[in-house]
Amino acid sequence: QVQLRESGGGSVQAGGSLRLSCAESASGYTDYSAYCMGWFRQVPGKEREGVATIDHDGTTTYADSVKGRFTISKDNAKRILYLQMDSLKPEDTAMYYCARHRYPYATCGNNIATMTIQPYNSWGQGTQVTVSS
């Protein structure tokens, strides 16, 4: 069983930065490096949307709304996924979740706009990001 735990959320003013972390723990061995990992966000009343993904080979994909401002990365040895968020805007305010794809070596896909949450079967509890103007 895989558990994901996000941290690093908080309240910042527009233009500020935050770095989210997502630590994985698992009962039994899993090859952390083999999985597509992603960051998603959700605001009340709206569907959860993809923000950024990173494939097992390190390929990254971003939503158009965050391109150039957010950076996804991971440390396979520490089993931690990161999301560096710079130049934050009030519209970035949301609950942010990390997730792991259900299949090893499956591609995340290269179009976040059409990405769905169904392929992801392990989720964290979320961390709130609030950006004030």
N, C-alpha and C. Protein backbone atom coordinates (compact mmCIF):
# COMPACT_ATOMS: atom_id res chain seq x y z
N GLN A 1 0.85 -1.19 0.00
CA GLN A 1 0.00 0.00 0.00
C GLN A 1 0.88 1.24 0.00
N VAL A 2 0.53 2.19 -0.84
CA VAL A 2 1.30 3.42 -0.98
C VAL A 2 0.59 4.56 -0.29
N GLN A 3 1.36 5.34 0.47
CA GLN A 3 0.81 6.53 1.09
C GLN A 3 1.60 7.74 0.63
N LEU A 4 0.88 8.80 0.31
CA LEU A 4 1.49 10.06 -0.10
C LEU A 4 1.08 11.15 0.88
N ARG A 5 2.04 11.99 1.22
CA ARG A 5 1.75 13.07 2.17
C ARG A 5 2.35 14.36 1.66
N GLU A 6 1.47 15.34 1.40
CA GLU A 6 1.92 16.64 0.92
C GLU A 6 2.25 17.56 2.09
N SER A 7 3.13 18.51 1.82
CA SER A 7 3.45 19.56 2.78
C SER A 7 3.94 20.77 2.02
N GLY A 8 4.02 21.89 2.71
CA GLY A 8 4.59 23.10 2.11
C GLY A 8 3.58 24.16 1.69
N GLY A 9 2.29 23.84 1.82
CA GLY A 9 1.30 24.84 1.47
C GLY A 9 1.29 25.99 2.47
N GLY A 10 0.55 27.04 2.13
CA GLY A 10 0.46 28.17 3.04
C GLY A 10 -0.18 29.36 2.35
N SER A 11 -0.04 30.50 2.99
CA SER A 11 -0.61 31.75 2.46
C SER A 11 0.51 32.68 2.06
N VAL A 12 0.43 33.19 0.84
CA VAL A 12 1.43 34.12 0.34
C VAL A 12 0.75 35.23 -0.43
N GLN A 13 1.47 36.30 -0.65
CA GLN A 13 0.96 37.38 -1.48
C GLN A 13 1.31 37.09 -2.95
N ALA A 14 0.54 37.70 -3.81
CA ALA A 14 0.79 37.55 -5.23
C ALA A 14 2.24 37.91 -5.55
N GLY A 15 2.84 37.10 -6.42
CA GLY A 15 4.24 37.30 -6.76
C GLY A 15 5.19 36.48 -5.91
N GLY A 16 4.68 35.91 -4.85
CA GLY A 16 5.52 35.12 -3.96
C GLY A 16 5.73 33.70 -4.46
N SER A 17 6.43 32.92 -3.64
CA SER A 17 6.79 31.54 -4.01
C SER A 17 6.47 30.58 -2.88
N LEU A 18 6.19 29.36 -3.26
CA LEU A 18 6.05 28.25 -2.32
C LEU A 18 6.65 27.01 -2.96
N ARG A 19 7.10 26.10 -2.13
CA ARG A 19 7.59 24.81 -2.61
C ARG A 19 6.81 23.71 -1.92
N LEU A 20 6.06 22.96 -2.69
CA LEU A 20 5.32 21.84 -2.16
C LEU A 20 6.16 20.57 -2.23
N SER A 21 5.99 19.71 -1.25
CA SER A 21 6.66 18.42 -1.23
C SER A 21 5.61 17.33 -1.08
N CYS A 22 5.93 16.17 -1.60
CA CYS A 22 5.05 15.00 -1.49
C CYS A 22 5.92 13.80 -1.20
N ALA A 23 5.86 13.33 0.02
CA ALA A 23 6.68 12.20 0.44
C ALA A 23 5.89 10.90 0.31
N GLU A 24 6.53 9.90 -0.26
CA GLU A 24 5.88 8.60 -0.41
C GLU A 24 6.40 7.61 0.61
N SER A 25 5.51 6.84 1.16
CA SER A 25 5.89 5.69 1.97
C SER A 25 5.07 4.51 1.49
N ALA A 26 5.67 3.34 1.56
CA ALA A 26 4.98 2.16 1.05
C ALA A 26 5.29 0.96 1.91
N SER A 27 4.29 0.12 2.09
CA SER A 27 4.53 -1.14 2.77
C SER A 27 4.95 -2.14 1.71
N GLY A 28 6.15 -2.60 1.79
CA GLY A 28 6.68 -3.46 0.74
C GLY A 28 7.45 -2.64 -0.27
N TYR A 29 8.18 -3.33 -1.11
CA TYR A 29 9.02 -2.62 -2.07
C TYR A 29 8.23 -2.15 -3.27
N THR A 30 8.43 -0.89 -3.65
CA THR A 30 7.94 -0.39 -4.92
C THR A 30 9.07 0.44 -5.54
N ASP A 31 9.18 0.37 -6.84
CA ASP A 31 10.19 1.13 -7.55
C ASP A 31 9.65 2.53 -7.80
N TYR A 32 9.98 3.46 -6.90
CA TYR A 32 9.44 4.82 -6.97
C TYR A 32 9.73 5.46 -8.31
N SER A 33 10.92 5.18 -8.85
CA SER A 33 11.34 5.84 -10.08
C SER A 33 10.54 5.38 -11.30
N ALA A 34 9.79 4.31 -11.19
CA ALA A 34 9.11 3.73 -12.35
C ALA A 34 7.75 4.36 -12.64
N TYR A 35 7.31 5.25 -11.77
CA TYR A 35 5.94 5.74 -11.88
C TYR A 35 5.83 7.19 -12.33
N CYS A 36 4.83 7.42 -13.16
CA CYS A 36 4.41 8.77 -13.47
C CYS A 36 3.81 9.37 -12.20
N MET A 37 4.22 10.61 -11.88
CA MET A 37 3.71 11.30 -10.71
C MET A 37 3.14 12.65 -11.15
N GLY A 38 2.15 13.12 -10.43
CA GLY A 38 1.55 14.38 -10.84
C GLY A 38 1.10 15.23 -9.68
N TRP A 39 0.96 16.51 -9.96
CA TRP A 39 0.34 17.47 -9.04
C TRP A 39 -0.98 17.92 -9.65
N PHE A 40 -1.99 17.95 -8.82
CA PHE A 40 -3.32 18.38 -9.22
C PHE A 40 -3.78 19.45 -8.24
N ARG A 41 -4.81 20.20 -8.62
CA ARG A 41 -5.38 21.17 -7.69
C ARG A 41 -6.88 21.24 -7.87
N GLN A 42 -7.53 21.68 -6.81
CA GLN A 42 -8.98 21.74 -6.84
C GLN A 42 -9.47 22.88 -5.97
N VAL A 43 -10.45 23.60 -6.50
CA VAL A 43 -11.14 24.62 -5.72
C VAL A 43 -12.57 24.15 -5.51
N PRO A 44 -13.22 24.60 -4.46
CA PRO A 44 -14.59 24.15 -4.19
C PRO A 44 -15.51 24.40 -5.36
N GLY A 45 -16.28 23.38 -5.70
CA GLY A 45 -17.25 23.51 -6.77
C GLY A 45 -16.71 23.23 -8.15
N LYS A 46 -15.41 22.95 -8.24
CA LYS A 46 -14.81 22.66 -9.55
C LYS A 46 -14.14 21.29 -9.54
N GLU A 47 -13.93 20.76 -10.72
CA GLU A 47 -13.26 19.47 -10.82
C GLU A 47 -11.77 19.63 -10.54
N ARG A 48 -11.18 18.53 -10.09
CA ARG A 48 -9.75 18.51 -9.88
C ARG A 48 -9.06 18.60 -11.24
N GLU A 49 -8.04 19.45 -11.31
CA GLU A 49 -7.36 19.65 -12.59
C GLU A 49 -5.87 19.36 -12.46
N GLY A 50 -5.30 18.90 -13.55
CA GLY A 50 -3.88 18.62 -13.57
C GLY A 50 -3.07 19.90 -13.63
N VAL A 51 -1.98 19.92 -12.89
CA VAL A 51 -1.08 21.08 -12.86
C VAL A 51 0.24 20.75 -13.55
N ALA A 52 0.83 19.64 -13.16
CA ALA A 52 2.12 19.24 -13.71
C ALA A 52 2.32 17.75 -13.49
N THR A 53 3.01 17.12 -14.42
CA THR A 53 3.34 15.70 -14.30
C THR A 53 4.80 15.48 -14.64
N ILE A 54 5.32 14.37 -14.12
CA ILE A 54 6.68 13.98 -14.44
C ILE A 54 6.69 12.48 -14.69
N ASP A 55 7.20 12.10 -15.85
CA ASP A 55 7.24 10.69 -16.24
C ASP A 55 8.41 9.99 -15.56
N HIS A 56 8.41 8.66 -15.69
CA HIS A 56 9.49 7.87 -15.09
C HIS A 56 10.84 8.23 -15.71
N ASP A 57 10.82 8.75 -16.95
CA ASP A 57 12.08 9.12 -17.59
C ASP A 57 12.42 10.60 -17.38
N GLY A 58 11.64 11.27 -16.55
CA GLY A 58 11.94 12.66 -16.23
C GLY A 58 11.24 13.69 -17.11
N THR A 59 10.51 13.23 -18.11
CA THR A 59 9.78 14.16 -18.96
C THR A 59 8.70 14.88 -18.15
N THR A 60 8.65 16.20 -18.29
CA THR A 60 7.68 16.99 -17.54
C THR A 60 6.66 17.64 -18.47
N THR A 61 5.48 17.81 -17.94
CA THR A 61 4.40 18.46 -18.67
C THR A 61 3.67 19.40 -17.71
N TYR A 62 3.25 20.56 -18.24
CA TYR A 62 2.60 21.56 -17.40
C TYR A 62 1.29 22.05 -18.02
N ALA A 63 0.38 22.43 -17.15
CA ALA A 63 -0.80 23.13 -17.62
C ALA A 63 -0.37 24.49 -18.15
N ASP A 64 -1.07 24.97 -19.17
CA ASP A 64 -0.70 26.26 -19.76
C ASP A 64 -0.71 27.38 -18.73
N SER A 65 -1.60 27.28 -17.76
CA SER A 65 -1.75 28.35 -16.77
C SER A 65 -0.57 28.47 -15.83
N VAL A 66 0.28 27.44 -15.76
CA VAL A 66 1.41 27.49 -14.83
C VAL A 66 2.75 27.41 -15.53
N LYS A 67 2.74 27.24 -16.83
CA LYS A 67 4.00 27.12 -17.58
C LYS A 67 4.86 28.34 -17.36
N GLY A 68 6.15 28.09 -17.10
CA GLY A 68 7.08 29.18 -16.87
C GLY A 68 7.10 29.68 -15.44
N ARG A 69 6.15 29.24 -14.63
CA ARG A 69 6.10 29.68 -13.22
C ARG A 69 6.29 28.53 -12.25
N PHE A 70 5.82 27.34 -12.61
CA PHE A 70 5.92 26.18 -11.73
C PHE A 70 6.93 25.19 -12.31
N THR A 71 7.60 24.46 -11.40
CA THR A 71 8.55 23.44 -11.81
C THR A 71 8.32 22.18 -10.99
N ILE A 72 8.09 21.08 -11.67
CA ILE A 72 7.93 19.79 -11.01
C ILE A 72 9.25 19.04 -11.06
N SER A 73 9.58 18.36 -9.98
CA SER A 73 10.80 17.56 -9.94
C SER A 73 10.60 16.46 -8.90
N LYS A 74 11.51 15.50 -8.91
CA LYS A 74 11.43 14.47 -7.89
C LYS A 74 12.81 13.95 -7.55
N ASP A 75 12.93 13.49 -6.33
CA ASP A 75 14.15 12.87 -5.83
C ASP A 75 13.83 11.40 -5.63
N ASN A 76 14.29 10.57 -6.55
CA ASN A 76 13.94 9.15 -6.48
C ASN A 76 14.54 8.47 -5.25
N ALA A 77 15.73 8.89 -4.86
CA ALA A 77 16.37 8.27 -3.70
C ALA A 77 15.58 8.56 -2.42
N LYS A 78 15.07 9.78 -2.31
CA LYS A 78 14.31 10.17 -1.11
C LYS A 78 12.82 9.88 -1.25
N ARG A 79 12.40 9.54 -2.47
CA ARG A 79 10.99 9.25 -2.74
C ARG A 79 10.13 10.48 -2.45
N ILE A 80 10.57 11.61 -2.92
CA ILE A 80 9.86 12.86 -2.70
C ILE A 80 9.62 13.55 -4.05
N LEU A 81 8.42 14.01 -4.23
CA LEU A 81 8.00 14.78 -5.39
C LEU A 81 7.89 16.24 -4.95
N TYR A 82 8.32 17.16 -5.82
CA TYR A 82 8.29 18.58 -5.49
C TYR A 82 7.49 19.37 -6.52
N LEU A 83 7.00 20.51 -6.08
CA LEU A 83 6.43 21.48 -7.00
C LEU A 83 6.89 22.86 -6.53
N GLN A 84 7.81 23.44 -7.28
CA GLN A 84 8.25 24.80 -7.00
C GLN A 84 7.31 25.75 -7.71
N MET A 85 6.70 26.64 -6.93
CA MET A 85 5.72 27.57 -7.48
C MET A 85 6.23 28.99 -7.29
N ASP A 86 6.50 29.66 -8.38
CA ASP A 86 6.97 31.04 -8.36
C ASP A 86 5.95 31.95 -9.03
N SER A 87 6.11 33.24 -8.79
CA SER A 87 5.20 34.24 -9.38
C SER A 87 3.75 33.84 -9.19
N LEU A 88 3.42 33.49 -7.98
CA LEU A 88 2.07 33.02 -7.70
C LEU A 88 1.03 34.09 -7.92
N LYS A 89 -0.14 33.64 -8.37
CA LYS A 89 -1.25 34.53 -8.66
C LYS A 89 -2.45 34.12 -7.80
N PRO A 90 -3.37 35.04 -7.55
CA PRO A 90 -4.56 34.67 -6.76
C PRO A 90 -5.32 33.48 -7.36
N GLU A 91 -5.30 33.35 -8.68
CA GLU A 91 -6.01 32.22 -9.31
C GLU A 91 -5.32 30.88 -9.08
N ASP A 92 -4.14 30.88 -8.48
CA ASP A 92 -3.48 29.63 -8.10
C ASP A 92 -4.01 29.10 -6.77
N THR A 93 -4.83 29.88 -6.10
CA THR A 93 -5.39 29.44 -4.83
C THR A 93 -6.21 28.18 -5.00
N ALA A 94 -5.87 27.14 -4.26
CA ALA A 94 -6.54 25.84 -4.38
C ALA A 94 -5.96 24.88 -3.36
N MET A 95 -6.60 23.73 -3.24
CA MET A 95 -6.02 22.60 -2.53
C MET A 95 -5.17 21.84 -3.55
N TYR A 96 -3.93 21.57 -3.21
CA TYR A 96 -3.03 20.89 -4.11
C TYR A 96 -2.81 19.45 -3.64
N TYR A 97 -2.88 18.54 -4.59
CA TYR A 97 -2.74 17.11 -4.31
C TYR A 97 -1.63 16.52 -5.17
N CYS A 98 -0.90 15.57 -4.59
CA CYS A 98 0.01 14.78 -5.42
C CYS A 98 -0.63 13.41 -5.62
N ALA A 99 -0.21 12.77 -6.70
CA ALA A 99 -0.79 11.47 -7.04
C ALA A 99 0.21 10.65 -7.81
N ARG A 100 0.03 9.33 -7.72
CA ARG A 100 0.86 8.38 -8.45
C ARG A 100 -0.01 7.57 -9.40
N HIS A 101 0.51 7.39 -10.61
CA HIS A 101 -0.16 6.57 -11.61
C HIS A 101 -0.26 5.14 -11.11
N ARG A 102 -1.30 4.45 -11.53
CA ARG A 102 -1.49 3.10 -11.03
C ARG A 102 -0.54 2.09 -11.64
N TYR A 103 0.04 2.36 -12.82
CA TYR A 103 0.89 1.38 -13.49
C TYR A 103 2.32 1.89 -13.64
N PRO A 104 3.31 1.02 -13.31
CA PRO A 104 4.70 1.42 -13.54
C PRO A 104 4.99 1.53 -15.02
N TYR A 105 5.84 2.47 -15.38
CA TYR A 105 6.30 2.71 -16.75
C TYR A 105 5.20 3.16 -17.70
N ALA A 106 4.04 3.49 -17.17
CA ALA A 106 3.00 4.10 -17.99
C ALA A 106 3.34 5.57 -18.17
N THR A 107 3.07 6.11 -19.34
CA THR A 107 3.36 7.51 -19.58
C THR A 107 2.28 8.39 -18.95
N CYS A 108 2.72 9.55 -18.48
CA CYS A 108 1.75 10.50 -17.93
C CYS A 108 0.85 11.07 -19.03
N GLY A 109 1.38 11.11 -20.25
CA GLY A 109 0.68 11.80 -21.32
C GLY A 109 1.22 13.20 -21.45
N ASN A 110 1.02 13.82 -22.60
CA ASN A 110 1.62 15.14 -22.82
C ASN A 110 0.59 16.24 -23.00
N ASN A 111 -0.64 15.97 -22.63
CA ASN A 111 -1.68 16.99 -22.76
C ASN A 111 -2.46 17.06 -21.45
N ILE A 112 -2.02 17.96 -20.58
CA ILE A 112 -2.68 18.05 -19.28
C ILE A 112 -4.11 18.54 -19.42
N ALA A 113 -4.39 19.29 -20.44
CA ALA A 113 -5.75 19.83 -20.60
C ALA A 113 -6.78 18.72 -20.73
N THR A 114 -6.36 17.58 -21.30
CA THR A 114 -7.31 16.47 -21.48
C THR A 114 -7.06 15.34 -20.50
N MET A 115 -6.14 15.53 -19.58
CA MET A 115 -5.79 14.48 -18.63
C MET A 115 -6.92 14.27 -17.64
N THR A 116 -7.15 13.02 -17.28
CA THR A 116 -8.14 12.70 -16.27
C THR A 116 -7.45 12.16 -15.03
N ILE A 117 -8.19 12.07 -13.95
CA ILE A 117 -7.61 11.59 -12.69
C ILE A 117 -7.70 10.08 -12.57
N GLN A 118 -8.46 9.44 -13.45
CA GLN A 118 -8.69 8.00 -13.29
C GLN A 118 -7.42 7.14 -13.28
N PRO A 119 -6.40 7.46 -14.08
CA PRO A 119 -5.20 6.60 -14.05
C PRO A 119 -4.41 6.67 -12.75
N TYR A 120 -4.74 7.64 -11.90
CA TYR A 120 -3.99 7.82 -10.65
C TYR A 120 -4.75 7.18 -9.50
N ASN A 121 -4.12 6.23 -8.83
CA ASN A 121 -4.84 5.51 -7.79
C ASN A 121 -4.28 5.71 -6.40
N SER A 122 -3.25 6.52 -6.27
CA SER A 122 -2.70 6.84 -4.96
C SER A 122 -2.68 8.36 -4.84
N TRP A 123 -3.29 8.88 -3.77
CA TRP A 123 -3.44 10.32 -3.59
C TRP A 123 -3.05 10.72 -2.18
N GLY A 124 -2.51 11.93 -2.07
CA GLY A 124 -2.27 12.49 -0.76
C GLY A 124 -3.54 13.16 -0.24
N GLN A 125 -3.44 13.72 0.95
CA GLN A 125 -4.60 14.34 1.59
C GLN A 125 -4.78 15.80 1.17
N GLY A 126 -3.77 16.35 0.52
CA GLY A 126 -3.85 17.71 0.02
C GLY A 126 -3.20 18.72 0.93
N THR A 127 -2.74 19.82 0.34
CA THR A 127 -2.19 20.93 1.10
C THR A 127 -2.73 22.22 0.49
N GLN A 128 -3.20 23.12 1.33
CA GLN A 128 -3.87 24.33 0.86
C GLN A 128 -2.85 25.41 0.49
N VAL A 129 -3.07 26.01 -0.66
CA VAL A 129 -2.29 27.16 -1.10
C VAL A 129 -3.25 28.32 -1.29
N THR A 130 -2.96 29.43 -0.63
CA THR A 130 -3.80 30.62 -0.73
C THR A 130 -2.91 31.80 -1.13
N VAL A 131 -3.29 32.45 -2.23
CA VAL A 131 -2.53 33.58 -2.74
C VAL A 131 -3.41 34.81 -2.71
N SER A 132 -2.97 35.81 -1.98
CA SER A 132 -3.76 37.03 -1.85
C SER A 132 -3.20 38.11 -2.77
N SER A 133 -4.10 38.99 -3.21
CA SER A 133 -3.69 40.05 -4.15
C SER A 133 -3.21 41.27 -3.40
